[in-house]
C-alpha atoms as a PDB file:
ATOM      1  CA  MET A   1      71.697  24.461-156.654  1.00  0.00           C
ATOM      2  CA  ALA A   2      69.259  24.490-153.859  1.00  0.00           C
ATOM      3  CA  ASP A   3      65.691  23.305-154.157  1.00  0.00           C
ATOM      4  CA  GLY A   4      63.339  26.556-154.174  1.00  0.00           C
ATOM      5  CA  HIS A   5      59.600  26.248-152.872  1.00  0.00           C
ATOM      6  CA  ALA A   6      57.028  28.387-153.638  1.00  0.00           C
ATOM      7  CA  ALA A   7      53.211  28.511-153.046  1.00  0.00           C
ATOM      8  CA  ILE A   8      50.850  30.748-155.757  1.00  0.00           C
ATOM      9  CA  GLU A   9      47.181  30.437-155.839  1.00  0.00           C
ATOM     10  CA  LEU A  10      45.819  29.624-159.088  1.00  0.00           C
ATOM     11  CA  PRO A  11      44.652  32.656-160.599  1.00  0.00           C
ATOM     12  CA  PRO A  12      41.333  32.706-161.412  1.00  0.00           C
ATOM     13  CA  HIS A  13      40.978  33.484-165.144  1.00  0.00           C
ATOM     14  CA  LEU A  14      43.423  30.466-165.746  1.00  0.00           C
ATOM     15  CA  SER A  15      42.450  26.674-165.815  1.00  0.00           C
ATOM     16  CA  ALA A  16      44.896  24.328-163.853  1.00  0.00           C
ATOM     17  CA  LEU A  17      46.437  22.978-166.951  1.00  0.00           C
ATOM     18  CA  GLN A  18      47.164  26.712-168.133  1.00  0.00           C
ATOM     19  CA  PHE A  19      48.836  27.368-165.083  1.00  0.00           C
ATOM     20  CA  ASP A  20      50.936  24.278-164.761  1.00  0.00           C
ATOM     21  CA  GLU A  21      52.244  25.325-168.406  1.00  0.00           C
ATOM     22  CA  LEU A  22      52.977  28.969-167.661  1.00  0.00           C
ATOM     23  CA  ALA A  23      54.468  27.906-164.605  1.00  0.00           C
ATOM     24  CA  ARG A  24      56.995  25.808-166.099  1.00  0.00           C
ATOM     25  CA  GLU A  25      57.821  28.310-168.642  1.00  0.00           C
ATOM     26  CA  CYS A  26      58.160  30.997-166.182  1.00  0.00           C
ATOM     27  CA  TRP A  27      60.667  28.816-164.041  1.00  0.00           C
ATOM     28  CA  LYS A  28      62.793  28.456-166.847  1.00  0.00           C
ATOM     29  CA  LYS A  29      63.226  31.629-167.060  1.00  0.00           C
ATOM     30  CA  GLY A  30      64.542  32.550-163.394  1.00  0.00           C
ATOM     31  CA  ASP A  31      67.976  32.612-162.376  1.00  0.00           C
ATOM     32  CA  TRP A  32      67.178  29.301-160.354  1.00  0.00           C
ATOM     33  CA  GLY A  33      65.255  27.874-162.952  1.00  0.00           C
ATOM     34  CA  GLY A  34      66.483  24.132-163.813  1.00  0.00           C
ATOM     35  CA  PRO A  35      65.037  21.127-165.323  1.00  0.00           C
ATOM     36  CA  ARG A  36      63.243  19.792-162.440  1.00  0.00           C
ATOM     37  CA  ILE A  37      59.949  21.380-161.338  1.00  0.00           C
ATOM     38  CA  GLU A  38      57.137  19.662-159.418  1.00  0.00           C
ATOM     39  CA  ILE A  39      53.639  21.438-158.959  1.00  0.00           C
ATOM     40  CA  LYS A  40      51.184  20.187-156.908  1.00  0.00           C
ATOM     41  CA  ASP A  41      47.594  21.683-155.732  1.00  0.00           C
ATOM     42  CA  ASN A  42      46.342  22.330-152.307  1.00  0.00           C
ATOM     43  CA  ALA A  43      49.289  23.294-150.045  1.00  0.00           C
ATOM     44  CA  ASP A  44      48.526  22.649-146.782  1.00  0.00           C
ATOM     45  CA  ARG A  45      49.856  24.518-143.721  1.00  0.00           C
ATOM     46  CA  GLY A  46      52.463  22.054-142.896  1.00  0.00           C
ATOM     47  CA  TRP A  47      53.827  22.779-146.405  1.00  0.00           C
ATOM     48  CA  ILE A  48      53.551  26.342-145.934  1.00  0.00           C
ATOM     49  CA  GLU A  49      55.218  26.552-142.232  1.00  0.00           C
ATOM     50  CA  TYR A  50      58.486  24.221-143.776  1.00  0.00           C
ATOM     51  CA  MET A  51      58.873  26.794-146.895  1.00  0.00           C
ATOM     52  CA  LEU A  52      59.155  29.197-144.239  1.00  0.00           C
ATOM     53  CA  LYS A  53      60.857  27.699-141.898  1.00  0.00           C
ATOM     54  CA  PRO A  54      62.544  30.177-139.334  1.00  0.00           C
ATOM     55  CA  TRP A  55      65.737  28.040-138.555  1.00  0.00           C
ATOM     56  CA  GLN A  56      67.164  28.559-142.121  1.00  0.00           C
ATOM     57  CA  LYS A  57      65.975  32.216-142.723  1.00  0.00           C
ATOM     58  CA  SER A  58      67.828  33.594-139.231  1.00  0.00           C
ATOM     59  CA  GLY A  59      70.890  34.805-141.222  1.00  0.00           C
ATOM     60  CA  LEU A  60      69.255  37.071-142.862  1.00  0.00           C
ATOM     61  CA  GLU A  61      68.099  40.910-141.899  1.00  0.00           C
ATOM     62  CA  ASP A  62      64.286  40.861-143.257  1.00  0.00           C
ATOM     63  CA  TRP A  63      62.170  37.889-144.070  1.00  0.00           C
ATOM     64  CA  SER A  64      61.934  39.518-147.800  1.00  0.00           C
ATOM     65  CA  ASP A  65      65.478  38.686-147.935  1.00  0.00           C
ATOM     66  CA  CYS A  66      63.973  35.069-148.455  1.00  0.00           C
ATOM     67  CA  ILE A  67      62.608  36.038-152.179  1.00  0.00           C
ATOM     68  CA  ASP A  68      64.464  35.562-155.218  1.00  0.00           C
ATOM     69  CA  TRP A  69      63.169  39.505-156.628  1.00  0.00           C
ATOM     70  CA  GLU A  70      65.287  39.447-159.619  1.00  0.00           C
ATOM     71  CA  SER A  71      63.673  35.878-160.750  1.00  0.00           C
ATOM     72  CA  LEU A  72      60.300  37.721-159.989  1.00  0.00           C
ATOM     73  CA  HIS A  73      58.021  37.521-163.272  1.00  0.00           C
ATOM     74  CA  ASN A  74      54.482  38.429-163.990  1.00  0.00           C
ATOM     75  CA  PRO A  75      53.450  37.753-167.520  1.00  0.00           C
ATOM     76  CA  ILE A  76      50.541  39.988-167.578  1.00  0.00           C
ATOM     77  CA  ALA A  77      52.846  43.288-166.610  1.00  0.00           C
ATOM     78  CA  ASP A  78      54.503  42.381-169.791  1.00  0.00           C
ATOM     79  CA  THR A  79      51.804  43.068-171.830  1.00  0.00           C
END
């Protein structure tokens, strides 16, 4: 299984601890979810550029093909 990366802004209505717990719960529900998850705050420009590295995206038709849409989960939308 390949590593997946994400940059997610902390929602204003959640504490860092609440977000950590929710992210771990949601990660397990996705197709790419596994036992390993590492959450860090304050992603810098270098990290964002690494995640969007174009040399690994050249075979895709569009940038949105980099997103695993089937694993997208918005717990607020479920209410």
